[in-house]
Amino acid sequence: MDIQKVLRDRQIISSDPDIMSRTPVFVGTRVPLQTFFDYLEGEAGLTEFLEDFPHLQTQVLQILEVIER
């Protein structure tokens, strides 16, 4: 499964040449999807990501649903 394709189809992320040179970002933001994965892989974790980006809580839950499948 191509997670980025699923997330684009669900309008959770977007890639636009005018926004961060097509880097996949959360829709309506300039927060890269990779930042989310970096938090998960690092010491910071999910809790700190949600503290730093509380406006993305719904999108994060949707991503975790997609990954779980």
Protein backbone atom coordinates (compact mmCIF):
# COMPACT_ATOMS: atom_id res chain seq x y z
CA MET A 1 0.00 0.00 0.00
CA ASP A 2 1.28 3.46 -0.90
CA ILE A 3 0.54 5.39 2.28
CA GLN A 4 1.13 8.79 0.69
CA LYS A 5 -1.37 8.00 -2.09
CA VAL A 6 -4.01 6.97 0.45
CA LEU A 7 -3.36 10.11 2.51
CA ARG A 8 -3.65 12.29 -0.61
CA ASP A 9 -6.89 10.54 -1.64
CA ARG A 10 -8.30 11.24 1.84
CA GLN A 11 -7.09 14.85 1.57
CA ILE A 12 -4.92 14.56 4.67
CA ILE A 13 -1.74 15.58 2.84
CA SER A 14 -1.01 17.48 -0.35
CA SER A 15 1.96 18.17 -2.60
CA ASP A 16 2.03 21.49 -4.40
CA PRO A 17 4.94 23.00 -6.35
CA ASP A 18 4.18 26.36 -4.73
CA ILE A 19 4.25 24.96 -1.19
CA MET A 20 7.62 23.68 -0.03
CA SER A 21 8.59 22.49 -3.53
CA ARG A 22 6.11 19.58 -3.57
CA THR A 23 7.15 18.21 -0.20
CA PRO A 24 4.11 16.31 1.14
CA VAL A 25 2.55 18.49 3.85
CA PHE A 26 -0.58 18.34 5.97
CA VAL A 27 -3.38 20.01 4.03
CA GLY A 28 -3.68 23.70 4.84
CA THR A 29 -0.27 23.84 6.52
CA ARG A 30 3.44 23.86 5.77
CA VAL A 31 4.08 21.01 8.21
CA PRO A 32 5.77 18.20 6.27
CA LEU A 33 4.48 14.67 6.67
CA GLN A 34 8.10 13.61 7.24
CA THR A 35 8.16 15.75 10.39
CA PHE A 36 5.42 13.53 11.83
CA PHE A 37 7.41 10.37 11.08
CA ASP A 38 10.61 11.95 12.44
CA TYR A 39 8.84 12.60 15.76
CA LEU A 40 7.58 9.01 15.87
CA GLU A 41 11.03 7.58 15.15
CA GLY A 42 12.84 9.91 17.53
CA GLU A 43 12.75 10.47 21.24
CA ALA A 44 9.99 13.06 20.99
CA GLY A 45 7.21 10.67 20.01
CA LEU A 46 3.55 11.16 19.25
CA THR A 47 2.73 13.08 22.42
CA GLU A 48 5.27 15.80 21.72
CA PHE A 49 4.18 16.06 18.08
CA LEU A 50 0.60 16.66 19.21
CA GLU A 51 1.79 19.21 21.78
CA ASP A 52 3.79 21.05 19.11
CA PHE A 53 1.06 20.79 16.44
CA PRO A 54 -2.27 20.47 18.31
CA HIS A 55 -4.22 21.63 15.24
CA LEU A 56 -3.20 18.37 13.48
CA GLN A 57 -4.72 15.95 15.99
CA THR A 58 -7.54 14.80 13.68
CA GLN A 59 -5.17 14.27 10.76
CA VAL A 60 -2.74 12.32 12.95
CA LEU A 61 -5.51 9.98 14.05
CA GLN A 62 -6.46 9.44 10.40
CA ILE A 63 -2.84 8.64 9.51
CA LEU A 64 -2.59 6.14 12.33
CA GLU A 65 -5.80 4.47 11.08
CA VAL A 66 -4.32 4.14 7.58
CA ILE A 67 -1.03 2.74 8.92
CA GLU A 68 -2.85 0.25 11.13
CA ARG A 69 -4.60 -1.30 8.13
